[in-house]
Amino acid sequence: MTTPVDRLRSFARTRASLDGAEVTYWWSGDVYSWAPDEPYVRLFGFEGFNVARLVEDAEQGPDAYRLLSREAAFYLDPVTREILETWNGLPVVHVWNDPANQKWRPFPVPTTELGEQLCFSLEIPLAYPSPLPVADYPVHSSGDTYRALELFQFFAGRGDLAGSAPSVPATMSWTRQSPWLPWMERGQRPGGLTFHCRGRKLGAYEEVPERTRAYVAARHPEFARAPEKWSEPNETSWTYFRRLHPPERG
């Protein structure tokens, strides 16, 4: 993997599949609160999945790709691990991101050699105008700028990557620092959340835990498959909340 093109192809085989086959990642973990002068608290369990397909992107040029994906994730009781419908008397709004697409061009993907494994690291700081401005959402918005930090690590075997298969087995970790979730109704209170999860590439969507698949089938069955074509903009928890609760205009 001496060139950005080589690295991107190896990362693409780890994150998805070069032949365009659907790839499902599943993850599980916990969500912690933090705030000045307060102890860290494990508020929720967290479980989710992403179903994606990789296609070549002729518009961006040679060796470029589009990742077409949807992802859903669910806030769980931290002890029983059951999917929550309410929290502190408030309705829980789960993650239904459709689409969750990406465009990839060759770049020097950060990698670390770990013996027989290779780790691809992606560090994504985010700062942009919030879809939920405080003037419209004083109870649900932490501020007029959305700020978060997404930290991904994907692990694949060096021997697998040395082969020619379009997709290789992989595991992953994900950490996210974010503001309070809109449905938590914490307004501009200082603090926020830390998500800490780990997961793996599955053989098929049918390997997602049955409880989770049943929940998806009853509400948004389209999330069991990757999108067929590109669309934008991406959905986030903040834009999804705005769709559920359009701002009131005087």
C-alpha atoms as a PDB file:
ATOM      1  CA  MET A   1       0.000   0.000   0.000  1.00  0.00           C
ATOM      2  CA  THR A   2       2.539   2.511  -1.166  1.00  0.00           C
ATOM      3  CA  THR A   3       0.198   4.993  -2.906  1.00  0.00           C
ATOM      4  CA  PRO A   4      -3.064   6.735  -1.942  1.00  0.00           C
ATOM      5  CA  VAL A   5      -4.845   4.646  -4.591  1.00  0.00           C
ATOM      6  CA  ASP A   6      -3.559   1.419  -3.031  1.00  0.00           C
ATOM      7  CA  ARG A   7      -4.527   2.532   0.457  1.00  0.00           C
ATOM      8  CA  LEU A   8      -8.006   3.561  -0.596  1.00  0.00           C
ATOM      9  CA  ARG A   9      -8.593   0.215  -2.322  1.00  0.00           C
ATOM     10  CA  SER A  10      -7.476  -1.643   0.817  1.00  0.00           C
ATOM     11  CA  PHE A  11      -9.681   0.546   2.983  1.00  0.00           C
ATOM     12  CA  ALA A  12     -12.596   0.062   0.564  1.00  0.00           C
ATOM     13  CA  ARG A  13     -12.211  -3.736   0.809  1.00  0.00           C
ATOM     14  CA  THR A  14     -12.251  -3.385   4.614  1.00  0.00           C
ATOM     15  CA  ARG A  15     -15.165  -0.975   4.892  1.00  0.00           C
ATOM     16  CA  ALA A  16     -17.212  -2.344   1.983  1.00  0.00           C
ATOM     17  CA  SER A  17     -16.740  -4.556  -1.095  1.00  0.00           C
ATOM     18  CA  LEU A  18     -15.190  -3.616  -4.420  1.00  0.00           C
ATOM     19  CA  ASP A  19     -17.693  -5.756  -6.349  1.00  0.00           C
ATOM     20  CA  GLY A  20     -20.685  -3.676  -5.214  1.00  0.00           C
ATOM     21  CA  ALA A  21     -22.129  -6.364  -2.933  1.00  0.00           C
ATOM     22  CA  GLU A  22     -24.085  -5.207   0.103  1.00  0.00           C
ATOM     23  CA  VAL A  23     -22.045  -5.068   3.304  1.00  0.00           C
ATOM     24  CA  THR A  24     -23.494  -4.820   6.810  1.00  0.00           C
ATOM     25  CA  TYR A  25     -21.596  -3.522   9.807  1.00  0.00           C
ATOM     26  CA  TRP A  26     -23.092  -4.030  13.272  1.00  0.00           C
ATOM     27  CA  TRP A  27     -21.939  -2.346  16.477  1.00  0.00           C
ATOM     28  CA  SER A  28     -22.779  -2.206  20.168  1.00  0.00           C
ATOM     29  CA  GLY A  29     -21.683  -0.018  23.057  1.00  0.00           C
ATOM     30  CA  ASP A  30     -22.749   2.642  25.519  1.00  0.00           C
ATOM     31  CA  VAL A  31     -23.468   6.364  25.772  1.00  0.00           C
ATOM     32  CA  TYR A  32     -22.060   8.415  28.654  1.00  0.00           C
ATOM     33  CA  SER A  33     -22.959  11.903  29.819  1.00  0.00           C
ATOM     34  CA  TRP A  34     -20.408  14.461  30.883  1.00  0.00           C
ATOM     35  CA  ALA A  35     -20.860  17.946  32.333  1.00  0.00           C
ATOM     36  CA  PRO A  36     -18.741  20.343  34.381  1.00  0.00           C
ATOM     37  CA  ASP A  37     -18.433  19.307  38.039  1.00  0.00           C
ATOM     38  CA  GLU A  38     -20.661  16.247  37.484  1.00  0.00           C
ATOM     39  CA  PRO A  39     -19.683  12.561  37.453  1.00  0.00           C
ATOM     40  CA  TYR A  40     -19.702  10.618  34.197  1.00  0.00           C
ATOM     41  CA  VAL A  41     -22.931   8.598  33.904  1.00  0.00           C
ATOM     42  CA  ARG A  42     -23.714   5.678  31.592  1.00  0.00           C
ATOM     43  CA  LEU A  43     -27.102   6.847  30.337  1.00  0.00           C
ATOM     44  CA  PHE A  44     -27.823   4.360  27.547  1.00  0.00           C
ATOM     45  CA  GLY A  45     -26.715   1.233  25.820  1.00  0.00           C
ATOM     46  CA  PHE A  46     -26.412   1.684  22.076  1.00  0.00           C
ATOM     47  CA  GLU A  47     -26.733  -0.762  19.186  1.00  0.00           C
ATOM     48  CA  GLY A  48     -26.847  -0.134  15.476  1.00  0.00           C
ATOM     49  CA  PHE A  49     -25.950  -1.191  11.974  1.00  0.00           C
ATOM     50  CA  ASN A  50     -25.085   0.215   8.570  1.00  0.00           C
ATOM     51  CA  VAL A  51     -25.919  -1.435   5.240  1.00  0.00           C
ATOM     52  CA  ALA A  52     -23.824  -0.164   2.335  1.00  0.00           C
ATOM     53  CA  ARG A  53     -22.828  -0.797  -1.254  1.00  0.00           C
ATOM     54  CA  LEU A  54     -19.794   0.683  -3.007  1.00  0.00           C
ATOM     55  CA  VAL A  55     -19.969   1.944  -6.587  1.00  0.00           C
ATOM     56  CA  GLU A  56     -17.405   3.599  -8.837  1.00  0.00           C
ATOM     57  CA  ASP A  57     -17.729   7.370  -9.132  1.00  0.00           C
ATOM     58  CA  ALA A  58     -16.889   8.432 -12.672  1.00  0.00           C
ATOM     59  CA  GLU A  59     -17.768  12.055 -11.903  1.00  0.00           C
ATOM     60  CA  GLN A  60     -14.906  12.322  -9.400  1.00  0.00           C
ATOM     61  CA  GLY A  61     -12.435  10.616 -11.720  1.00  0.00           C
ATOM     62  CA  PRO A  62     -10.554   7.316 -11.787  1.00  0.00           C
ATOM     63  CA  ASP A  63     -10.152   5.326  -8.578  1.00  0.00           C
ATOM     64  CA  ALA A  64     -12.988   7.225  -6.863  1.00  0.00           C
ATOM     65  CA  TYR A  65     -16.034   5.673  -5.192  1.00  0.00           C
ATOM     66  CA  ARG A  66     -19.424   6.422  -3.741  1.00  0.00           C
ATOM     67  CA  LEU A  67     -20.587   4.601  -0.632  1.00  0.00           C
ATOM     68  CA  LEU A  68     -24.385   4.303  -0.655  1.00  0.00           C
ATOM     69  CA  SER A  69     -25.687   3.464   2.797  1.00  0.00           C
ATOM     70  CA  ARG A  70     -28.420   3.651   5.378  1.00  0.00           C
ATOM     71  CA  GLU A  71     -27.906   3.246   9.104  1.00  0.00           C
ATOM     72  CA  ALA A  72     -30.127   2.780  12.124  1.00  0.00           C
ATOM     73  CA  ALA A  73     -29.191   2.720  15.794  1.00  0.00           C
ATOM     74  CA  PHE A  74     -31.125   2.409  19.015  1.00  0.00           C
ATOM     75  CA  TYR A  75     -30.835   3.726  22.554  1.00  0.00           C
ATOM     76  CA  LEU A  76     -31.063   0.915  25.092  1.00  0.00           C
ATOM     77  CA  ASP A  77     -31.723   0.577  28.788  1.00  0.00           C
ATOM     78  CA  PRO A  78     -28.172   0.518  30.207  1.00  0.00           C
ATOM     79  CA  VAL A  79     -28.931  -2.560  32.346  1.00  0.00           C
ATOM     80  CA  THR A  80     -31.518  -4.702  30.530  1.00  0.00           C
ATOM     81  CA  ARG A  81     -30.319  -3.656  27.030  1.00  0.00           C
ATOM     82  CA  GLU A  82     -33.921  -3.395  25.859  1.00  0.00           C
ATOM     83  CA  ILE A  83     -34.766  -0.767  23.217  1.00  0.00           C
ATOM     84  CA  LEU A  84     -36.111   2.328  24.956  1.00  0.00           C
ATOM     85  CA  GLU A  85     -39.284   4.117  23.923  1.00  0.00           C
ATOM     86  CA  THR A  86     -39.156   6.757  26.674  1.00  0.00           C
ATOM     87  CA  TRP A  87     -36.468   8.240  28.931  1.00  0.00           C
ATOM     88  CA  ASN A  88     -37.211  10.436  31.945  1.00  0.00           C
ATOM     89  CA  GLY A  89     -40.761  10.788  30.624  1.00  0.00           C
ATOM     90  CA  LEU A  90     -39.589  11.941  27.165  1.00  0.00           C
ATOM     91  CA  PRO A  91     -40.090  10.030  23.890  1.00  0.00           C
ATOM     92  CA  VAL A  92     -36.827   8.592  22.580  1.00  0.00           C
ATOM     93  CA  VAL A  93     -35.945   9.416  18.974  1.00  0.00           C
ATOM     94  CA  HIS A  94     -33.754   6.668  17.585  1.00  0.00           C
ATOM     95  CA  VAL A  95     -31.256   7.017  14.731  1.00  0.00           C
ATOM     96  CA  TRP A  96     -32.778   6.573  11.263  1.00  0.00           C
ATOM     97  CA  ASN A  97     -30.209   8.029   8.866  1.00  0.00           C
ATOM     98  CA  ASP A  98     -31.309   7.637   5.243  1.00  0.00           C
ATOM     99  CA  PRO A  99     -29.102   8.274   3.427  1.00  0.00           C
ATOM    100  CA  ALA A 100     -25.699   8.129   5.111  1.00  0.00           C
ATOM    101  CA  ASN A 101     -23.627   8.417   1.943  1.00  0.00           C
ATOM    102  CA  GLN A 102     -19.960   9.216   1.355  1.00  0.00           C
ATOM    103  CA  LYS A 103     -17.716  10.167  -1.559  1.00  0.00           C
ATOM    104  CA  TRP A 104     -14.168   8.784  -1.572  1.00  0.00           C
ATOM    105  CA  ARG A 105     -11.201   9.903  -3.602  1.00  0.00           C
ATOM    106  CA  PRO A 106      -7.635   8.612  -3.193  1.00  0.00           C
ATOM    107  CA  PHE A 107      -6.024  10.071  -0.082  1.00  0.00           C
ATOM    108  CA  PRO A 108      -3.353   8.807   2.328  1.00  0.00           C
ATOM    109  CA  VAL A 109      -5.683   6.886   4.656  1.00  0.00           C
ATOM    110  CA  PRO A 110      -3.995   6.845   8.102  1.00  0.00           C
ATOM    111  CA  THR A 111      -2.864   3.298   8.863  1.00  0.00           C
ATOM    112  CA  THR A 112      -1.116   1.583  11.771  1.00  0.00           C
ATOM    113  CA  GLU A 113       0.513  -1.838  11.625  1.00  0.00           C
ATOM    114  CA  LEU A 114      -0.523  -4.007  14.567  1.00  0.00           C
ATOM    115  CA  GLY A 115       1.295  -7.265  14.044  1.00  0.00           C
ATOM    116  CA  GLU A 116      -0.946  -9.436  11.892  1.00  0.00           C
ATOM    117  CA  GLN A 117      -3.550  -6.661  11.652  1.00  0.00           C
ATOM    118  CA  LEU A 118      -3.751  -3.315   9.941  1.00  0.00           C
ATOM    119  CA  CYS A 119      -5.771  -0.457  11.437  1.00  0.00           C
ATOM    120  CA  PHE A 120      -7.331   2.287   9.284  1.00  0.00           C
ATOM    121  CA  SER A 121      -8.091   5.403  11.359  1.00  0.00           C
ATOM    122  CA  LEU A 122     -10.508   8.186  10.468  1.00  0.00           C
ATOM    123  CA  GLU A 123     -10.740  11.277  12.689  1.00  0.00           C
ATOM    124  CA  ILE A 124     -13.601  13.553  11.657  1.00  0.00           C
ATOM    125  CA  PRO A 125     -14.121  16.865  13.491  1.00  0.00           C
ATOM    126  CA  LEU A 126     -17.443  18.509  12.647  1.00  0.00           C
ATOM    127  CA  ALA A 127     -18.515  22.133  12.995  1.00  0.00           C
ATOM    128  CA  TYR A 128     -21.324  23.619  10.909  1.00  0.00           C
ATOM    129  CA  PRO A 129     -24.552  25.633  11.348  1.00  0.00           C
ATOM    130  CA  SER A 130     -26.960  23.579  13.412  1.00  0.00           C
ATOM    131  CA  PRO A 131     -30.181  22.379  11.757  1.00  0.00           C
ATOM    132  CA  LEU A 132     -31.764  23.282  15.098  1.00  0.00           C
ATOM    133  CA  PRO A 133     -30.986  26.961  15.798  1.00  0.00           C
ATOM    134  CA  VAL A 134     -31.611  28.073  19.358  1.00  0.00           C
ATOM    135  CA  ALA A 135     -34.145  30.693  18.271  1.00  0.00           C
ATOM    136  CA  ASP A 136     -36.379  27.961  16.842  1.00  0.00           C
ATOM    137  CA  TYR A 137     -35.499  25.178  19.307  1.00  0.00           C
ATOM    138  CA  PRO A 138     -34.600  26.757  22.656  1.00  0.00           C
ATOM    139  CA  VAL A 139     -35.321  23.539  24.588  1.00  0.00           C
ATOM    140  CA  HIS A 140     -33.810  21.098  22.093  1.00  0.00           C
ATOM    141  CA  SER A 141     -30.713  22.888  20.776  1.00  0.00           C
ATOM    142  CA  SER A 142     -27.328  23.177  22.467  1.00  0.00           C
ATOM    143  CA  GLY A 143     -26.251  26.034  20.197  1.00  0.00           C
ATOM    144  CA  ASP A 144     -26.351  27.540  16.739  1.00  0.00           C
ATOM    145  CA  THR A 145     -23.224  25.627  15.688  1.00  0.00           C
ATOM    146  CA  TYR A 146     -23.244  21.843  15.709  1.00  0.00           C
ATOM    147  CA  ARG A 147     -19.908  20.523  16.976  1.00  0.00           C
ATOM    148  CA  ALA A 148     -18.939  16.875  17.274  1.00  0.00           C
ATOM    149  CA  LEU A 149     -15.946  14.560  16.896  1.00  0.00           C
ATOM    150  CA  GLU A 150     -16.224  11.169  15.181  1.00  0.00           C
ATOM    151  CA  LEU A 151     -13.347   8.691  15.658  1.00  0.00           C
ATOM    152  CA  PHE A 152     -13.388   5.472  13.593  1.00  0.00           C
ATOM    153  CA  GLN A 153     -10.965   2.552  13.520  1.00  0.00           C
ATOM    154  CA  PHE A 154     -11.298  -0.382  11.109  1.00  0.00           C
ATOM    155  CA  PHE A 155      -9.145  -3.498  11.641  1.00  0.00           C
ATOM    156  CA  ALA A 156      -8.352  -6.074   8.942  1.00  0.00           C
ATOM    157  CA  GLY A 157      -5.883  -8.949   8.679  1.00  0.00           C
ATOM    158  CA  ARG A 158      -2.704  -8.232   6.732  1.00  0.00           C
ATOM    159  CA  GLY A 159      -2.944 -11.683   5.166  1.00  0.00           C
ATOM    160  CA  ASP A 160      -6.512 -11.035   3.995  1.00  0.00           C
ATOM    161  CA  LEU A 161      -5.524  -7.691   2.482  1.00  0.00           C
ATOM    162  CA  ALA A 162      -2.637  -9.376   0.638  1.00  0.00           C
ATOM    163  CA  GLY A 163      -5.182 -11.516  -1.222  1.00  0.00           C
ATOM    164  CA  SER A 164      -7.441 -10.512  -4.090  1.00  0.00           C
ATOM    165  CA  ALA A 165     -10.925 -10.893  -2.567  1.00  0.00           C
ATOM    166  CA  PRO A 166     -13.115  -7.794  -3.124  1.00  0.00           C
ATOM    167  CA  SER A 167     -14.101  -7.777   0.574  1.00  0.00           C
ATOM    168  CA  VAL A 168     -12.154  -8.844   3.664  1.00  0.00           C
ATOM    169  CA  PRO A 169     -13.293  -9.670   7.227  1.00  0.00           C
ATOM    170  CA  ALA A 170     -13.029  -6.702   9.555  1.00  0.00           C
ATOM    171  CA  THR A 171     -13.814  -5.345  13.002  1.00  0.00           C
ATOM    172  CA  MET A 172     -14.230  -1.725  14.024  1.00  0.00           C
ATOM    173  CA  SER A 173     -14.397   0.743  16.889  1.00  0.00           C
ATOM    174  CA  TRP A 174     -16.216   4.068  17.023  1.00  0.00           C
ATOM    175  CA  THR A 175     -16.104   6.912  19.530  1.00  0.00           C
ATOM    176  CA  ARG A 176     -18.173  10.060  19.235  1.00  0.00           C
ATOM    177  CA  GLN A 177     -18.347  13.241  21.264  1.00  0.00           C
ATOM    178  CA  SER A 178     -21.495  15.252  20.669  1.00  0.00           C
ATOM    179  CA  PRO A 179     -23.907  17.735  22.200  1.00  0.00           C
ATOM    180  CA  TRP A 180     -26.923  16.556  24.155  1.00  0.00           C
ATOM    181  CA  LEU A 181     -29.439  14.855  21.875  1.00  0.00           C
ATOM    182  CA  PRO A 182     -32.331  17.129  20.854  1.00  0.00           C
ATOM    183  CA  TRP A 183     -34.992  14.848  22.366  1.00  0.00           C
ATOM    184  CA  MET A 184     -33.261  15.014  25.775  1.00  0.00           C
ATOM    185  CA  GLU A 185     -34.491  18.640  26.112  1.00  0.00           C
ATOM    186  CA  ARG A 186     -31.372  19.952  27.832  1.00  0.00           C
ATOM    187  CA  GLY A 187     -31.160  23.195  25.912  1.00  0.00           C
ATOM    188  CA  GLN A 188     -27.861  25.055  26.316  1.00  0.00           C
ATOM    189  CA  ARG A 189     -26.820  23.276  29.499  1.00  0.00           C
ATOM    190  CA  PRO A 190     -23.019  22.723  29.474  1.00  0.00           C
ATOM    191  CA  GLY A 191     -21.839  19.198  28.722  1.00  0.00           C
ATOM    192  CA  GLY A 192     -22.757  16.507  26.241  1.00  0.00           C
ATOM    193  CA  LEU A 193     -22.385  12.848  25.350  1.00  0.00           C
ATOM    194  CA  THR A 194     -19.646  10.348  24.554  1.00  0.00           C
ATOM    195  CA  PHE A 195     -20.512   7.257  22.477  1.00  0.00           C
ATOM    196  CA  HIS A 196     -18.136   4.296  22.825  1.00  0.00           C
ATOM    197  CA  CYS A 197     -18.839   1.312  20.548  1.00  0.00           C
ATOM    198  CA  ARG A 198     -17.241  -1.634  18.817  1.00  0.00           C
ATOM    199  CA  GLY A 199     -18.480  -3.954  16.058  1.00  0.00           C
ATOM    200  CA  ARG A 200     -17.697  -6.036  12.996  1.00  0.00           C
ATOM    201  CA  LYS A 201     -18.470  -6.646   9.347  1.00  0.00           C
ATOM    202  CA  LEU A 202     -21.188  -9.303   9.117  1.00  0.00           C
ATOM    203  CA  GLY A 203     -21.648 -11.973   6.489  1.00  0.00           C
ATOM    204  CA  ALA A 204     -25.154 -10.659   5.755  1.00  0.00           C
ATOM    205  CA  TYR A 205     -27.854  -8.421   7.216  1.00  0.00           C
ATOM    206  CA  GLU A 206     -29.539 -11.559   8.554  1.00  0.00           C
ATOM    207  CA  GLU A 207     -26.740 -11.796  11.144  1.00  0.00           C
ATOM    208  CA  VAL A 208     -27.960  -8.610  12.849  1.00  0.00           C
ATOM    209  CA  PRO A 209     -29.575  -9.710  16.163  1.00  0.00           C
ATOM    210  CA  GLU A 210     -33.140 -10.913  15.618  1.00  0.00           C
ATOM    211  CA  ARG A 211     -34.612  -8.434  18.124  1.00  0.00           C
ATOM    212  CA  THR A 212     -33.131  -5.540  16.177  1.00  0.00           C
ATOM    213  CA  ARG A 213     -34.209  -6.888  12.787  1.00  0.00           C
ATOM    214  CA  ALA A 214     -37.776  -7.311  14.081  1.00  0.00           C
ATOM    215  CA  TYR A 215     -37.810  -3.716  15.360  1.00  0.00           C
ATOM    216  CA  VAL A 216     -36.622  -2.441  11.969  1.00  0.00           C
ATOM    217  CA  ALA A 217     -39.066  -4.624  10.008  1.00  0.00           C
ATOM    218  CA  ALA A 218     -41.983  -3.227  11.995  1.00  0.00           C
ATOM    219  CA  ARG A 219     -41.003   0.425  11.465  1.00  0.00           C
ATOM    220  CA  HIS A 220     -38.630   1.058   8.557  1.00  0.00           C
ATOM    221  CA  PRO A 221     -38.032  -2.205   6.640  1.00  0.00           C
ATOM    222  CA  GLU A 222     -36.130  -0.353   3.897  1.00  0.00           C
ATOM    223  CA  PHE A 223     -33.163  -0.099   6.277  1.00  0.00           C
ATOM    224  CA  ALA A 224     -32.435  -3.795   5.729  1.00  0.00           C
ATOM    225  CA  ARG A 225     -30.975  -2.906   2.319  1.00  0.00           C
ATOM    226  CA  ALA A 226     -28.537  -0.335   0.967  1.00  0.00           C
ATOM    227  CA  PRO A 227     -29.808   2.462  -1.295  1.00  0.00           C
ATOM    228  CA  GLU A 228     -29.868   1.740  -5.019  1.00  0.00           C
ATOM    229  CA  LYS A 229     -28.775   5.217  -6.099  1.00  0.00           C
ATOM    230  CA  TRP A 230     -27.088   8.346  -4.785  1.00  0.00           C
ATOM    231  CA  SER A 231     -29.121  11.011  -3.001  1.00  0.00           C
ATOM    232  CA  GLU A 232     -28.311  13.974  -0.813  1.00  0.00           C
ATOM    233  CA  PRO A 233     -28.151  15.599   1.656  1.00  0.00           C
ATOM    234  CA  ASN A 234     -27.402  13.002   4.325  1.00  0.00           C
ATOM    235  CA  GLU A 235     -29.769  12.538   7.225  1.00  0.00           C
ATOM    236  CA  THR A 236     -28.520  13.041  10.799  1.00  0.00           C
ATOM    237  CA  SER A 237     -30.171  12.800  14.195  1.00  0.00           C
ATOM    238  CA  TRP A 238     -30.522  16.591  14.146  1.00  0.00           C
ATOM    239  CA  THR A 239     -32.114  16.842  10.676  1.00  0.00           C
ATOM    240  CA  TYR A 240     -34.362  13.868  11.440  1.00  0.00           C
ATOM    241  CA  PHE A 241     -35.561  15.560  14.628  1.00  0.00           C
ATOM    242  CA  ARG A 242     -36.279  18.724  12.636  1.00  0.00           C
ATOM    243  CA  ARG A 243     -38.379  16.723  10.163  1.00  0.00           C
ATOM    244  CA  LEU A 244     -40.372  15.253  13.050  1.00  0.00           C
ATOM    245  CA  HIS A 245     -40.739  18.671  14.703  1.00  0.00           C
ATOM    246  CA  PRO A 246     -40.750  21.503  12.137  1.00  0.00           C
ATOM    247  CA  PRO A 247     -40.089  24.912  13.706  1.00  0.00           C
ATOM    248  CA  GLU A 248     -43.130  26.914  14.670  1.00  0.00           C
ATOM    249  CA  ARG A 249     -43.434  30.186  12.803  1.00  0.00           C
ATOM    250  CA  GLY A 250     -45.341  33.150  14.148  1.00  0.00           C
END
